[in-house]
Amino acid sequence: MTQFSCPWLTLADDFATRHAIAPSYTSILRAFGGEESHSVQGTSFESIEAQFDNTFSQLTQAIIDSLSKEVDRNQAENFSRRFQAVHWLALQLSTQSPVGRLFLFGLAHRMRQVLNESK
């Protein structure tokens, strides 16, 4: 299968359409950053989703590394723990519905965007 690069919001919108997810849910993904969306490499939403275990472990550490430059390390670690809690909740939702999968996808990519903008 040929890999391609496209904005993650495009993949999220496509996934939502295929699973008949209401537009009100995809609009939530635009709450922070609007239409801004970094590109991802993959063949589909599902191929990007398959990388989540690695993605979330990297993000947890990246939060600490990035925020500890702006606030003290304890605060950065606290935010990272909060992110982990939200990740856990989204992960539980993702096993129950396509909307949960969409939110987990959005959580990963919005956090990556936030971290990239704080550099």
N, C-alpha and C. Protein backbone atom coordinates (compact mmCIF):
# COMPACT_ATOMS: atom_id res chain seq x y z
N MET A 1 0.83 -1.17 0.00
CA MET A 1 0.00 0.00 0.00
C MET A 1 0.88 1.24 0.00
N THR A 2 0.52 2.22 -0.77
CA THR A 2 1.28 3.46 -0.87
C THR A 2 0.97 4.37 0.31
N GLN A 3 2.03 4.85 0.95
CA GLN A 3 1.83 5.81 2.04
C GLN A 3 1.64 7.19 1.43
N PHE A 4 0.91 8.03 2.11
CA PHE A 4 0.71 9.40 1.68
C PHE A 4 0.81 10.31 2.88
N SER A 5 0.88 11.58 2.59
CA SER A 5 0.92 12.58 3.64
C SER A 5 -0.29 13.49 3.46
N CYS A 6 -1.04 13.67 4.53
CA CYS A 6 -2.17 14.59 4.46
C CYS A 6 -2.46 15.11 5.87
N PRO A 7 -3.20 16.21 5.97
CA PRO A 7 -3.54 16.75 7.28
C PRO A 7 -4.34 15.74 8.10
N TRP A 8 -4.04 15.65 9.38
CA TRP A 8 -4.73 14.66 10.22
C TRP A 8 -6.22 14.96 10.31
N LEU A 9 -6.62 16.24 10.23
CA LEU A 9 -8.05 16.55 10.27
C LEU A 9 -8.77 15.98 9.06
N THR A 10 -8.09 15.90 7.92
CA THR A 10 -8.69 15.30 6.73
C THR A 10 -8.98 13.82 6.98
N LEU A 11 -8.02 13.12 7.59
CA LEU A 11 -8.24 11.71 7.93
C LEU A 11 -9.37 11.57 8.95
N ALA A 12 -9.41 12.46 9.93
CA ALA A 12 -10.46 12.41 10.94
C ALA A 12 -11.84 12.64 10.31
N ASP A 13 -11.93 13.61 9.42
CA ASP A 13 -13.19 13.89 8.73
C ASP A 13 -13.64 12.69 7.90
N ASP A 14 -12.69 12.06 7.20
CA ASP A 14 -13.00 10.89 6.39
C ASP A 14 -13.51 9.75 7.28
N PHE A 15 -12.83 9.51 8.40
CA PHE A 15 -13.24 8.47 9.33
C PHE A 15 -14.66 8.76 9.84
N ALA A 16 -14.91 10.01 10.21
CA ALA A 16 -16.23 10.39 10.73
C ALA A 16 -17.31 10.16 9.68
N THR A 17 -17.03 10.49 8.45
CA THR A 17 -18.00 10.27 7.37
C THR A 17 -18.28 8.79 7.18
N ARG A 18 -17.23 7.98 7.15
CA ARG A 18 -17.40 6.54 6.95
C ARG A 18 -18.17 5.88 8.08
N HIS A 19 -18.09 6.45 9.30
CA HIS A 19 -18.76 5.86 10.46
C HIS A 19 -20.00 6.64 10.87
N ALA A 20 -20.47 7.52 10.00
CA ALA A 20 -21.69 8.31 10.25
C ALA A 20 -21.65 9.03 11.59
N ILE A 21 -20.50 9.63 11.90
CA ILE A 21 -20.34 10.41 13.12
C ILE A 21 -20.81 11.83 12.84
N ALA A 22 -21.63 12.34 13.73
CA ALA A 22 -22.21 13.68 13.56
C ALA A 22 -21.13 14.75 13.47
N PRO A 23 -21.34 15.75 12.60
CA PRO A 23 -20.37 16.85 12.47
C PRO A 23 -20.09 17.58 13.78
N SER A 24 -21.01 17.55 14.72
CA SER A 24 -20.76 18.21 16.00
C SER A 24 -19.56 17.60 16.71
N TYR A 25 -19.30 16.33 16.49
CA TYR A 25 -18.13 15.68 17.09
C TYR A 25 -16.84 16.09 16.40
N THR A 26 -16.86 16.18 15.09
CA THR A 26 -15.63 16.59 14.40
C THR A 26 -15.33 18.06 14.66
N SER A 27 -16.36 18.86 14.92
CA SER A 27 -16.10 20.27 15.24
C SER A 27 -15.34 20.40 16.55
N ILE A 28 -15.51 19.46 17.46
CA ILE A 28 -14.78 19.48 18.73
C ILE A 28 -13.27 19.40 18.47
N LEU A 29 -12.88 18.65 17.45
CA LEU A 29 -11.46 18.51 17.12
C LEU A 29 -10.84 19.84 16.69
N ARG A 30 -11.69 20.77 16.29
CA ARG A 30 -11.22 22.08 15.83
C ARG A 30 -11.27 23.14 16.94
N ALA A 31 -11.60 22.72 18.15
CA ALA A 31 -11.74 23.66 19.26
C ALA A 31 -10.44 24.40 19.55
N PHE A 32 -9.33 23.73 19.41
CA PHE A 32 -8.02 24.35 19.61
C PHE A 32 -7.26 24.22 18.31
N GLY A 33 -6.96 25.34 17.71
CA GLY A 33 -6.18 25.29 16.48
C GLY A 33 -7.00 25.40 15.22
N GLY A 34 -8.31 25.40 15.35
CA GLY A 34 -9.16 25.55 14.17
C GLY A 34 -8.84 24.53 13.11
N GLU A 35 -8.65 25.02 11.91
CA GLU A 35 -8.35 24.14 10.77
C GLU A 35 -6.88 23.79 10.67
N GLU A 36 -6.05 24.37 11.55
CA GLU A 36 -4.62 24.05 11.53
C GLU A 36 -4.45 22.57 11.82
N SER A 37 -3.67 21.91 10.99
CA SER A 37 -3.55 20.47 11.11
C SER A 37 -2.25 20.02 10.47
N HIS A 38 -1.33 19.47 11.27
CA HIS A 38 -0.09 18.98 10.69
C HIS A 38 -0.37 17.73 9.85
N SER A 39 0.52 17.47 8.93
CA SER A 39 0.37 16.30 8.09
C SER A 39 0.90 15.06 8.79
N VAL A 40 0.29 13.95 8.46
CA VAL A 40 0.71 12.66 9.00
C VAL A 40 1.03 11.73 7.83
N GLN A 41 1.89 10.78 8.09
CA GLN A 41 2.27 9.78 7.09
C GLN A 41 1.52 8.50 7.36
N GLY A 42 0.86 7.96 6.38
CA GLY A 42 0.16 6.70 6.55
C GLY A 42 -0.66 6.36 5.33
N THR A 43 -1.42 5.30 5.45
CA THR A 43 -2.28 4.90 4.35
C THR A 43 -3.74 5.19 4.65
N SER A 44 -4.06 5.41 5.94
CA SER A 44 -5.45 5.64 6.35
C SER A 44 -5.49 6.08 7.82
N PHE A 45 -6.67 6.45 8.26
CA PHE A 45 -6.89 6.74 9.68
C PHE A 45 -6.42 5.56 10.52
N GLU A 46 -6.80 4.36 10.08
CA GLU A 46 -6.49 3.15 10.83
C GLU A 46 -4.99 2.88 10.90
N SER A 47 -4.26 3.21 9.85
CA SER A 47 -2.81 2.98 9.88
C SER A 47 -2.13 3.93 10.86
N ILE A 48 -2.64 5.14 10.97
CA ILE A 48 -2.10 6.10 11.95
C ILE A 48 -2.51 5.67 13.36
N GLU A 49 -3.74 5.24 13.50
CA GLU A 49 -4.27 4.78 14.78
C GLU A 49 -3.44 3.60 15.33
N ALA A 50 -2.96 2.75 14.46
CA ALA A 50 -2.18 1.58 14.87
C ALA A 50 -0.86 1.95 15.54
N GLN A 51 -0.43 3.18 15.36
CA GLN A 51 0.83 3.65 15.95
C GLN A 51 0.64 4.33 17.31
N PHE A 52 -0.59 4.35 17.82
CA PHE A 52 -0.90 5.13 19.01
C PHE A 52 -0.10 4.76 20.26
N ASP A 53 0.14 3.50 20.50
CA ASP A 53 0.88 3.14 21.72
C ASP A 53 2.20 3.88 21.78
N ASN A 54 2.91 3.86 20.68
CA ASN A 54 4.19 4.56 20.60
C ASN A 54 4.00 6.07 20.65
N THR A 55 2.99 6.56 19.97
CA THR A 55 2.72 8.00 19.92
C THR A 55 2.45 8.55 21.32
N PHE A 56 1.60 7.88 22.09
CA PHE A 56 1.25 8.40 23.41
C PHE A 56 2.40 8.32 24.40
N SER A 57 3.22 7.29 24.30
CA SER A 57 4.38 7.24 25.22
C SER A 57 5.36 8.35 24.88
N GLN A 58 5.53 8.65 23.60
CA GLN A 58 6.41 9.76 23.20
C GLN A 58 5.84 11.10 23.65
N LEU A 59 4.54 11.27 23.51
CA LEU A 59 3.92 12.54 23.90
C LEU A 59 4.02 12.78 25.40
N THR A 60 3.85 11.74 26.19
CA THR A 60 3.95 11.88 27.65
C THR A 60 5.30 12.45 28.05
N GLN A 61 6.36 11.94 27.48
CA GLN A 61 7.70 12.45 27.79
C GLN A 61 7.92 13.82 27.15
N ALA A 62 7.41 14.01 25.94
CA ALA A 62 7.59 15.30 25.26
C ALA A 62 6.91 16.44 26.03
N ILE A 63 5.79 16.15 26.67
CA ILE A 63 5.11 17.16 27.49
C ILE A 63 6.04 17.62 28.60
N ILE A 64 6.64 16.67 29.29
CA ILE A 64 7.55 17.01 30.39
C ILE A 64 8.75 17.80 29.86
N ASP A 65 9.35 17.31 28.79
CA ASP A 65 10.53 17.97 28.23
C ASP A 65 10.22 19.40 27.78
N SER A 66 9.09 19.57 27.13
CA SER A 66 8.73 20.88 26.60
C SER A 66 8.30 21.85 27.70
N LEU A 67 7.40 21.40 28.55
CA LEU A 67 6.87 22.30 29.58
C LEU A 67 7.88 22.63 30.66
N SER A 68 8.82 21.74 30.92
CA SER A 68 9.80 22.03 31.98
C SER A 68 10.71 23.19 31.60
N LYS A 69 10.67 23.62 30.35
CA LYS A 69 11.40 24.82 29.93
C LYS A 69 10.63 26.09 30.29
N GLU A 70 9.30 25.94 30.48
CA GLU A 70 8.44 27.09 30.75
C GLU A 70 7.99 27.17 32.21
N VAL A 71 7.83 26.01 32.85
CA VAL A 71 7.40 25.95 34.25
C VAL A 71 8.35 24.98 34.96
N ASP A 72 8.21 24.87 36.27
CA ASP A 72 9.12 23.94 36.94
C ASP A 72 8.75 22.49 36.58
N ARG A 73 9.71 21.62 36.77
CA ARG A 73 9.56 20.22 36.35
C ARG A 73 8.36 19.54 37.02
N ASN A 74 8.10 19.83 38.29
CA ASN A 74 6.96 19.22 38.97
C ASN A 74 5.64 19.58 38.28
N GLN A 75 5.49 20.83 37.88
CA GLN A 75 4.28 21.24 37.18
C GLN A 75 4.17 20.54 35.82
N ALA A 76 5.29 20.41 35.13
CA ALA A 76 5.31 19.73 33.84
C ALA A 76 4.91 18.26 34.00
N GLU A 77 5.43 17.62 35.03
CA GLU A 77 5.08 16.22 35.29
C GLU A 77 3.61 16.09 35.68
N ASN A 78 3.09 17.04 36.41
CA ASN A 78 1.68 17.04 36.78
C ASN A 78 0.80 17.15 35.54
N PHE A 79 1.14 18.04 34.62
CA PHE A 79 0.37 18.16 33.38
C PHE A 79 0.45 16.87 32.57
N SER A 80 1.62 16.26 32.55
CA SER A 80 1.79 15.00 31.84
C SER A 80 0.89 13.92 32.43
N ARG A 81 0.79 13.88 33.74
CA ARG A 81 -0.11 12.90 34.39
C ARG A 81 -1.57 13.19 34.04
N ARG A 82 -1.93 14.44 33.97
CA ARG A 82 -3.30 14.79 33.57
C ARG A 82 -3.57 14.35 32.13
N PHE A 83 -2.59 14.57 31.27
CA PHE A 83 -2.71 14.12 29.89
C PHE A 83 -2.89 12.59 29.85
N GLN A 84 -2.12 11.88 30.66
CA GLN A 84 -2.23 10.42 30.71
C GLN A 84 -3.63 10.00 31.15
N ALA A 85 -4.22 10.72 32.10
CA ALA A 85 -5.57 10.40 32.57
C ALA A 85 -6.60 10.61 31.46
N VAL A 86 -6.48 11.71 30.73
CA VAL A 86 -7.39 11.97 29.62
C VAL A 86 -7.18 10.91 28.54
N HIS A 87 -5.92 10.56 28.29
CA HIS A 87 -5.63 9.51 27.32
C HIS A 87 -6.30 8.20 27.74
N TRP A 88 -6.21 7.84 29.01
CA TRP A 88 -6.82 6.60 29.49
C TRP A 88 -8.33 6.63 29.27
N LEU A 89 -8.97 7.75 29.59
CA LEU A 89 -10.43 7.86 29.39
C LEU A 89 -10.78 7.74 27.91
N ALA A 90 -10.03 8.43 27.06
CA ALA A 90 -10.28 8.35 25.62
C ALA A 90 -10.04 6.94 25.10
N LEU A 91 -9.04 6.28 25.64
CA LEU A 91 -8.75 4.90 25.24
C LEU A 91 -9.92 3.99 25.59
N GLN A 92 -10.51 4.17 26.78
CA GLN A 92 -11.68 3.37 27.17
C GLN A 92 -12.85 3.63 26.21
N LEU A 93 -13.07 4.90 25.87
CA LEU A 93 -14.14 5.25 24.93
C LEU A 93 -13.88 4.66 23.55
N SER A 94 -12.61 4.61 23.17
CA SER A 94 -12.27 4.13 21.83
C SER A 94 -12.61 2.66 21.63
N THR A 95 -12.69 1.90 22.72
CA THR A 95 -13.05 0.49 22.59
C THR A 95 -14.55 0.30 22.49
N GLN A 96 -15.30 1.37 22.73
CA GLN A 96 -16.75 1.27 22.76
C GLN A 96 -17.45 1.90 21.55
N SER A 97 -16.78 2.85 20.90
CA SER A 97 -17.47 3.53 19.79
C SER A 97 -16.49 4.20 18.84
N PRO A 98 -16.92 4.42 17.61
CA PRO A 98 -16.09 5.17 16.67
C PRO A 98 -15.83 6.61 17.13
N VAL A 99 -16.77 7.19 17.87
CA VAL A 99 -16.57 8.55 18.38
C VAL A 99 -15.38 8.55 19.34
N GLY A 100 -15.28 7.56 20.18
CA GLY A 100 -14.13 7.44 21.09
C GLY A 100 -12.83 7.32 20.33
N ARG A 101 -12.84 6.56 19.24
CA ARG A 101 -11.64 6.43 18.41
C ARG A 101 -11.27 7.78 17.81
N LEU A 102 -12.27 8.52 17.37
CA LEU A 102 -12.05 9.85 16.79
C LEU A 102 -11.43 10.79 17.84
N PHE A 103 -11.96 10.77 19.05
CA PHE A 103 -11.43 11.64 20.11
C PHE A 103 -10.01 11.25 20.51
N LEU A 104 -9.71 9.98 20.56
CA LEU A 104 -8.35 9.53 20.87
C LEU A 104 -7.38 10.01 19.79
N PHE A 105 -7.79 9.90 18.55
CA PHE A 105 -7.00 10.37 17.42
C PHE A 105 -6.75 11.88 17.54
N GLY A 106 -7.82 12.62 17.83
CA GLY A 106 -7.70 14.06 17.98
C GLY A 106 -6.82 14.47 19.14
N LEU A 107 -6.92 13.77 20.25
CA LEU A 107 -6.09 14.06 21.42
C LEU A 107 -4.62 13.95 21.07
N ALA A 108 -4.25 12.90 20.41
CA ALA A 108 -2.84 12.69 20.03
C ALA A 108 -2.33 13.80 19.12
N HIS A 109 -3.13 14.13 18.12
CA HIS A 109 -2.63 15.08 17.14
C HIS A 109 -2.70 16.53 17.59
N ARG A 110 -3.70 16.88 18.39
CA ARG A 110 -3.72 18.25 18.93
C ARG A 110 -2.57 18.44 19.93
N MET A 111 -2.29 17.44 20.74
CA MET A 111 -1.19 17.59 21.69
C MET A 111 0.14 17.72 20.94
N ARG A 112 0.31 16.94 19.89
CA ARG A 112 1.53 17.07 19.09
C ARG A 112 1.63 18.49 18.52
N GLN A 113 0.52 19.03 18.08
CA GLN A 113 0.51 20.39 17.54
C GLN A 113 0.87 21.41 18.61
N VAL A 114 0.29 21.27 19.80
CA VAL A 114 0.58 22.19 20.90
C VAL A 114 2.08 22.14 21.23
N LEU A 115 2.64 20.95 21.31
CA LEU A 115 4.06 20.81 21.64
C LEU A 115 4.95 21.41 20.55
N ASN A 116 4.57 21.21 19.31
CA ASN A 116 5.36 21.77 18.20
C ASN A 116 5.32 23.29 18.19
N GLU A 117 4.18 23.86 18.58
CA GLU A 117 4.07 25.31 18.59
C GLU A 117 4.78 25.94 19.78
N SER A 118 5.03 25.16 20.82
CA SER A 118 5.69 25.73 21.98
C SER A 118 7.21 25.71 21.86
N LYS A 119 7.73 25.17 20.78
CA LYS A 119 9.19 25.09 20.59
C LYS A 119 9.74 26.44 20.17
